[in-house]
Amino acid sequence: MSNESIIVLIAACSAVFGFTAWVGLIAVPAWQSYSRIWQRVAAVFLSLYAVVAFLVAGVALGALVVWFQA
């Protein structure tokens, strides 16, 4: 198995585990907290919005680390 294959496998596993954690720990409780459909959809959307913001911040921080190490 090449180094590139290992990196792709780790990235794929991380994505699956991260998505599963988001669904189990954030999306399901947010969905169950409200009774109306539009409130449930809004809560899940806003939690997804927050996850994307953290993802962008993490990618930016990682890019800075790579930039300054090169």
PDB file of N, CA and C in Angstrom:
ATOM      1  N   MET A   1       0.849  -1.168   0.000  1.00  0.00           N
ATOM      2  CA  MET A   1       0.000   0.000   0.000  1.00  0.00           C
ATOM      3  C   MET A   1       0.899   1.236   0.000  1.00  0.00           C
ATOM      4  N   SER A   2       0.646   2.143  -0.934  1.00  0.00           N
ATOM      5  CA  SER A   2       1.486   3.330  -1.060  1.00  0.00           C
ATOM      6  C   SER A   2       1.109   4.380  -0.012  1.00  0.00           C
ATOM      7  N   ASN A   3       1.990   5.348   0.149  1.00  0.00           N
ATOM      8  CA  ASN A   3       1.732   6.424   1.111  1.00  0.00           C
ATOM      9  C   ASN A   3       0.479   7.207   0.736  1.00  0.00           C
ATOM     10  N   GLU A   4       0.290   7.425  -0.555  1.00  0.00           N
ATOM     11  CA  GLU A   4      -0.898   8.166  -1.004  1.00  0.00           C
ATOM     12  C   GLU A   4      -2.178   7.399  -0.699  1.00  0.00           C
ATOM     13  N   SER A   5      -2.158   6.087  -0.854  1.00  0.00           N
ATOM     14  CA  SER A   5      -3.331   5.270  -0.547  1.00  0.00           C
ATOM     15  C   SER A   5      -3.660   5.320   0.946  1.00  0.00           C
ATOM     16  N   ILE A   6      -2.630   5.319   1.770  1.00  0.00           N
ATOM     17  CA  ILE A   6      -2.848   5.400   3.211  1.00  0.00           C
ATOM     18  C   ILE A   6      -3.464   6.745   3.581  1.00  0.00           C
ATOM     19  N   ILE A   7      -2.982   7.823   2.971  1.00  0.00           N
ATOM     20  CA  ILE A   7      -3.531   9.152   3.246  1.00  0.00           C
ATOM     21  C   ILE A   7      -4.999   9.220   2.835  1.00  0.00           C
ATOM     22  N   VAL A   8      -5.327   8.680   1.679  1.00  0.00           N
ATOM     23  CA  VAL A   8      -6.721   8.692   1.206  1.00  0.00           C
ATOM     24  C   VAL A   8      -7.601   7.846   2.129  1.00  0.00           C
ATOM     25  N   LEU A   9      -7.097   6.712   2.571  1.00  0.00           N
ATOM     26  CA  LEU A   9      -7.863   5.861   3.478  1.00  0.00           C
ATOM     27  C   LEU A   9      -8.115   6.558   4.811  1.00  0.00           C
ATOM     28  N   ILE A  10      -7.101   7.202   5.355  1.00  0.00           N
ATOM     29  CA  ILE A  10      -7.258   7.922   6.621  1.00  0.00           C
ATOM     30  C   ILE A  10      -8.241   9.080   6.458  1.00  0.00           C
ATOM     31  N   ALA A  11      -8.153   9.814   5.344  1.00  0.00           N
ATOM     32  CA  ALA A  11      -9.081  10.927   5.106  1.00  0.00           C
ATOM     33  C   ALA A  11     -10.520  10.420   4.976  1.00  0.00           C
ATOM     34  N   ALA A  12     -10.707   9.315   4.284  1.00  0.00           N
ATOM     35  CA  ALA A  12     -12.055   8.765   4.112  1.00  0.00           C
ATOM     36  C   ALA A  12     -12.622   8.284   5.451  1.00  0.00           C
ATOM     37  N   CYS A  13     -11.813   7.599   6.233  1.00  0.00           N
ATOM     38  CA  CYS A  13     -12.277   7.127   7.549  1.00  0.00           C
ATOM     39  C   CYS A  13     -12.595   8.306   8.465  1.00  0.00           C
ATOM     40  N   SER A  14     -11.762   9.328   8.428  1.00  0.00           N
ATOM     41  CA  SER A  14     -12.013  10.518   9.244  1.00  0.00           C
ATOM     42  C   SER A  14     -13.315  11.198   8.841  1.00  0.00           C
ATOM     43  N   ALA A  15     -13.581  11.267   7.547  1.00  0.00           N
ATOM     44  CA  ALA A  15     -14.821  11.883   7.073  1.00  0.00           C
ATOM     45  C   ALA A  15     -16.035  11.084   7.532  1.00  0.00           C
ATOM     46  N   VAL A  16     -15.962   9.767   7.427  1.00  0.00           N
ATOM     47  CA  VAL A  16     -17.088   8.923   7.843  1.00  0.00           C
ATOM     48  C   VAL A  16     -17.311   9.025   9.345  1.00  0.00           C
ATOM     49  N   PHE A  17     -16.239   8.946  10.133  1.00  0.00           N
ATOM     50  CA  PHE A  17     -16.378   9.036  11.587  1.00  0.00           C
ATOM     51  C   PHE A  17     -16.855  10.421  12.009  1.00  0.00           C
ATOM     52  N   GLY A  18     -16.366  11.456  11.352  1.00  0.00           N
ATOM     53  CA  GLY A  18     -16.801  12.818  11.662  1.00  0.00           C
ATOM     54  C   GLY A  18     -18.272  13.030  11.352  1.00  0.00           C
ATOM     55  N   PHE A  19     -18.717  12.530  10.210  1.00  0.00           N
ATOM     56  CA  PHE A  19     -20.126  12.655   9.842  1.00  0.00           C
ATOM     57  C   PHE A  19     -21.014  11.883  10.812  1.00  0.00           C
ATOM     58  N   THR A  20     -20.568  10.685  11.181  1.00  0.00           N
ATOM     59  CA  THR A  20     -21.330   9.886  12.137  1.00  0.00           C
ATOM     60  C   THR A  20     -21.422  10.584  13.490  1.00  0.00           C
ATOM     61  N   ALA A  21     -20.323  11.181  13.925  1.00  0.00           N
ATOM     62  CA  ALA A  21     -20.331  11.908  15.200  1.00  0.00           C
ATOM     63  C   ALA A  21     -21.258  13.116  15.125  1.00  0.00           C
ATOM     64  N   TRP A  22     -21.245  13.834  14.005  1.00  0.00           N
ATOM     65  CA  TRP A  22     -22.136  14.990  13.853  1.00  0.00           C
ATOM     66  C   TRP A  22     -23.596  14.551  13.917  1.00  0.00           C
ATOM     67  N   VAL A  23     -23.918  13.484  13.215  1.00  0.00           N
ATOM     68  CA  VAL A  23     -25.306  13.008  13.220  1.00  0.00           C
ATOM     69  C   VAL A  23     -25.714  12.570  14.628  1.00  0.00           C
ATOM     70  N   GLY A  24     -24.884  11.769  15.273  1.00  0.00           N
ATOM     71  CA  GLY A  24     -25.255  11.211  16.567  1.00  0.00           C
ATOM     72  C   GLY A  24     -25.215  12.195  17.717  1.00  0.00           C
ATOM     73  N   LEU A  25     -24.253  13.111  17.693  1.00  0.00           N
ATOM     74  CA  LEU A  25     -24.069  14.002  18.830  1.00  0.00           C
ATOM     75  C   LEU A  25     -24.686  15.384  18.658  1.00  0.00           C
ATOM     76  N   ILE A  26     -24.932  15.805  17.422  1.00  0.00           N
ATOM     77  CA  ILE A  26     -25.437  17.159  17.204  1.00  0.00           C
ATOM     78  C   ILE A  26     -26.763  17.166  16.461  1.00  0.00           C
ATOM     79  N   ALA A  27     -26.844  16.506  15.312  1.00  0.00           N
ATOM     80  CA  ALA A  27     -28.047  16.604  14.481  1.00  0.00           C
ATOM     81  C   ALA A  27     -29.270  15.952  15.129  1.00  0.00           C
ATOM     82  N   VAL A  28     -29.109  14.764  15.675  1.00  0.00           N
ATOM     83  CA  VAL A  28     -30.257  14.077  16.279  1.00  0.00           C
ATOM     84  C   VAL A  28     -30.783  14.833  17.497  1.00  0.00           C
ATOM     85  N   PRO A  29     -29.927  15.270  18.444  1.00  0.00           N
ATOM     86  CA  PRO A  29     -30.469  16.062  19.560  1.00  0.00           C
ATOM     87  C   PRO A  29     -31.096  17.388  19.111  1.00  0.00           C
ATOM     88  N   ALA A  30     -30.506  18.032  18.098  1.00  0.00           N
ATOM     89  CA  ALA A  30     -31.097  19.278  17.593  1.00  0.00           C
ATOM     90  C   ALA A  30     -32.467  19.003  16.979  1.00  0.00           C
ATOM     91  N   TRP A  31     -32.596  17.899  16.263  1.00  0.00           N
ATOM     92  CA  TRP A  31     -33.870  17.527  15.640  1.00  0.00           C
ATOM     93  C   TRP A  31     -34.921  17.226  16.700  1.00  0.00           C
ATOM     94  N   GLN A  32     -34.535  16.567  17.764  1.00  0.00           N
ATOM     95  CA  GLN A  32     -35.490  16.171  18.791  1.00  0.00           C
ATOM     96  C   GLN A  32     -35.855  17.308  19.743  1.00  0.00           C
ATOM     97  N   SER A  33     -35.144  18.409  19.679  1.00  0.00           N
ATOM     98  CA  SER A  33     -35.402  19.517  20.595  1.00  0.00           C
ATOM     99  C   SER A  33     -36.624  20.341  20.204  1.00  0.00           C
ATOM    100  N   TYR A  34     -37.077  20.223  18.983  1.00  0.00           N
ATOM    101  CA  TYR A  34     -38.180  21.047  18.493  1.00  0.00           C
ATOM    102  C   TYR A  34     -39.300  20.164  17.974  1.00  0.00           C
ATOM    103  N   SER A  35     -40.510  20.741  17.912  1.00  0.00           N
ATOM    104  CA  SER A  35     -41.654  19.949  17.472  1.00  0.00           C
ATOM    105  C   SER A  35     -42.081  20.271  16.047  1.00  0.00           C
ATOM    106  N   ARG A  36     -41.895  21.495  15.609  1.00  0.00           N
ATOM    107  CA  ARG A  36     -42.301  21.874  14.257  1.00  0.00           C
ATOM    108  C   ARG A  36     -41.193  21.550  13.265  1.00  0.00           C
ATOM    109  N   ILE A  37     -41.622  21.155  12.067  1.00  0.00           N
ATOM    110  CA  ILE A  37     -40.651  20.730  11.043  1.00  0.00           C
ATOM    111  C   ILE A  37     -39.700  21.857  10.682  1.00  0.00           C
ATOM    112  N   TRP A  38     -40.199  23.074  10.492  1.00  0.00           N
ATOM    113  CA  TRP A  38     -39.305  24.156  10.074  1.00  0.00           C
ATOM    114  C   TRP A  38     -38.284  24.475  11.158  1.00  0.00           C
ATOM    115  N   GLN A  39     -38.649  24.309  12.424  1.00  0.00           N
ATOM    116  CA  GLN A  39     -37.697  24.528  13.513  1.00  0.00           C
ATOM    117  C   GLN A  39     -36.632  23.433  13.529  1.00  0.00           C
ATOM    118  N   ARG A  40     -37.054  22.216  13.271  1.00  0.00           N
ATOM    119  CA  ARG A  40     -36.109  21.103  13.225  1.00  0.00           C
ATOM    120  C   ARG A  40     -35.117  21.275  12.089  1.00  0.00           C
ATOM    121  N   VAL A  41     -35.623  21.628  10.919  1.00  0.00           N
ATOM    122  CA  VAL A  41     -34.744  21.830   9.757  1.00  0.00           C
ATOM    123  C   VAL A  41     -33.796  22.996  10.014  1.00  0.00           C
ATOM    124  N   ALA A  42     -34.283  24.060  10.603  1.00  0.00           N
ATOM    125  CA  ALA A  42     -33.436  25.217  10.907  1.00  0.00           C
ATOM    126  C   ALA A  42     -32.346  24.845  11.914  1.00  0.00           C
ATOM    127  N   ALA A  43     -32.675  24.068  12.929  1.00  0.00           N
ATOM    128  CA  ALA A  43     -31.679  23.669  13.932  1.00  0.00           C
ATOM    129  C   ALA A  43     -30.584  22.806  13.309  1.00  0.00           C
ATOM    130  N   VAL A  44     -30.971  21.875  12.458  1.00  0.00           N
ATOM    131  CA  VAL A  44     -29.980  21.023  11.793  1.00  0.00           C
ATOM    132  C   VAL A  44     -29.135  21.849  10.826  1.00  0.00           C
ATOM    133  N   PHE A  45     -29.760  22.766  10.093  1.00  0.00           N
ATOM    134  CA  PHE A  45     -29.011  23.613   9.166  1.00  0.00           C
ATOM    135  C   PHE A  45     -28.008  24.489   9.906  1.00  0.00           C
ATOM    136  N   LEU A  46     -28.417  25.080  11.004  1.00  0.00           N
ATOM    137  CA  LEU A  46     -27.506  25.939  11.757  1.00  0.00           C
ATOM    138  C   LEU A  46     -26.367  25.139  12.386  1.00  0.00           C
ATOM    139  N   SER A  47     -26.636  23.924  12.815  1.00  0.00           N
ATOM    140  CA  SER A  47     -25.547  23.097  13.338  1.00  0.00           C
ATOM    141  C   SER A  47     -24.583  22.712  12.219  1.00  0.00           C
ATOM    142  N   LEU A  48     -25.105  22.445  11.041  1.00  0.00           N
ATOM    143  CA  LEU A  48     -24.246  22.157   9.888  1.00  0.00           C
ATOM    144  C   LEU A  48     -23.436  23.388   9.499  1.00  0.00           C
ATOM    145  N   TYR A  49     -24.049  24.544   9.587  1.00  0.00           N
ATOM    146  CA  TYR A  49     -23.364  25.809   9.310  1.00  0.00           C
ATOM    147  C   TYR A  49     -22.185  26.002  10.263  1.00  0.00           C
ATOM    148  N   ALA A  50     -22.383  25.678  11.535  1.00  0.00           N
ATOM    149  CA  ALA A  50     -21.307  25.800  12.521  1.00  0.00           C
ATOM    150  C   ALA A  50     -20.194  24.799  12.240  1.00  0.00           C
ATOM    151  N   VAL A  51     -20.548  23.575  11.851  1.00  0.00           N
ATOM    152  CA  VAL A  51     -19.537  22.565  11.531  1.00  0.00           C
ATOM    153  C   VAL A  51     -18.701  23.008  10.329  1.00  0.00           C
ATOM    154  N   VAL A  52     -19.334  23.568   9.331  1.00  0.00           N
ATOM    155  CA  VAL A  52     -18.605  24.047   8.151  1.00  0.00           C
ATOM    156  C   VAL A  52     -17.674  25.200   8.530  1.00  0.00           C
ATOM    157  N   ALA A  53     -18.114  26.073   9.417  1.00  0.00           N
ATOM    158  CA  ALA A  53     -17.252  27.172   9.864  1.00  0.00           C
ATOM    159  C   ALA A  53     -16.017  26.631  10.573  1.00  0.00           C
ATOM    160  N   PHE A  54     -16.183  25.639  11.441  1.00  0.00           N
ATOM    161  CA  PHE A  54     -15.033  25.025  12.105  1.00  0.00           C
ATOM    162  C   PHE A  54     -14.138  24.292  11.098  1.00  0.00           C
ATOM    163  N   LEU A  55     -14.726  23.670  10.096  1.00  0.00           N
ATOM    164  CA  LEU A  55     -13.954  22.992   9.060  1.00  0.00           C
ATOM    165  C   LEU A  55     -13.094  23.980   8.288  1.00  0.00           C
ATOM    166  N   VAL A  56     -13.666  25.112   7.918  1.00  0.00           N
ATOM    167  CA  VAL A  56     -12.910  26.139   7.200  1.00  0.00           C
ATOM    168  C   VAL A  56     -11.783  26.681   8.071  1.00  0.00           C
ATOM    169  N   ALA A  57     -12.056  26.902   9.341  1.00  0.00           N
ATOM    170  CA  ALA A  57     -11.014  27.383  10.253  1.00  0.00           C
ATOM    171  C   ALA A  57      -9.899  26.348  10.400  1.00  0.00           C
ATOM    172  N   GLY A  58     -10.240  25.086  10.474  1.00  0.00           N
ATOM    173  CA  GLY A  58      -9.228  24.037  10.576  1.00  0.00           C
ATOM    174  C   GLY A  58      -8.378  23.914   9.332  1.00  0.00           C
ATOM    175  N   VAL A  59      -9.011  24.014   8.171  1.00  0.00           N
ATOM    176  CA  VAL A  59      -8.257  23.962   6.917  1.00  0.00           C
ATOM    177  C   VAL A  59      -7.334  25.163   6.799  1.00  0.00           C
ATOM    178  N   ALA A  60      -7.813  26.331   7.200  1.00  0.00           N
ATOM    179  CA  ALA A  60      -6.970  27.528   7.148  1.00  0.00           C
ATOM    180  C   ALA A  60      -5.783  27.406   8.102  1.00  0.00           C
ATOM    181  N   LEU A  61      -6.023  26.897   9.291  1.00  0.00           N
ATOM    182  CA  LEU A  61      -4.937  26.709  10.248  1.00  0.00           C
ATOM    183  C   LEU A  61      -3.939  25.672   9.742  1.00  0.00           C
ATOM    184  N   GLY A  62      -4.423  24.602   9.173  1.00  0.00           N
ATOM    185  CA  GLY A  62      -3.540  23.594   8.584  1.00  0.00           C
ATOM    186  C   GLY A  62      -2.726  24.149   7.435  1.00  0.00           C
ATOM    187  N   ALA A  63      -3.353  24.978   6.605  1.00  0.00           N
ATOM    188  CA  ALA A  63      -2.631  25.600   5.497  1.00  0.00           C
ATOM    189  C   ALA A  63      -1.537  26.536   6.009  1.00  0.00           C
ATOM    190  N   LEU A  64      -1.816  27.252   7.097  1.00  0.00           N
ATOM    191  CA  LEU A  64      -0.788  28.113   7.690  1.00  0.00           C
ATOM    192  C   LEU A  64       0.390  27.301   8.220  1.00  0.00           C
ATOM    193  N   VAL A  65       0.097  26.183   8.837  1.00  0.00           N
ATOM    194  CA  VAL A  65       1.174  25.325   9.347  1.00  0.00           C
ATOM    195  C   VAL A  65       2.027  24.817   8.193  1.00  0.00           C
ATOM    196  N   VAL A  66       1.389  24.354   7.131  1.00  0.00           N
ATOM    197  CA  VAL A  66       2.140  23.872   5.968  1.00  0.00           C
ATOM    198  C   VAL A  66       2.916  24.992   5.320  1.00  0.00           C
ATOM    199  N   TRP A  67       2.332  26.178   5.247  1.00  0.00           N
ATOM    200  CA  TRP A  67       2.998  27.325   4.610  1.00  0.00           C
ATOM    201  C   TRP A  67       4.261  27.710   5.367  1.00  0.00           C
ATOM    202  N   PHE A  68       4.190  27.745   6.693  1.00  0.00           N
ATOM    203  CA  PHE A  68       5.341  28.179   7.473  1.00  0.00           C
ATOM    204  C   PHE A  68       6.379  27.058   7.669  1.00  0.00           C
ATOM    205  N   GLN A  69       6.019  25.823   7.437  1.00  0.00           N
ATOM    206  CA  GLN A  69       6.978  24.728   7.542  1.00  0.00           C
ATOM    207  C   GLN A  69       7.740  24.497   6.243  1.00  0.00           C
ATOM    208  N   ALA A  70       7.219  24.999   5.155  1.00  0.00           N
ATOM    209  CA  ALA A  70       7.854  24.776   3.835  1.00  0.00           C
ATOM    210  C   ALA A  70       9.058  25.648   3.627  1.00  0.00           C
TER     211      ALA A  70
END
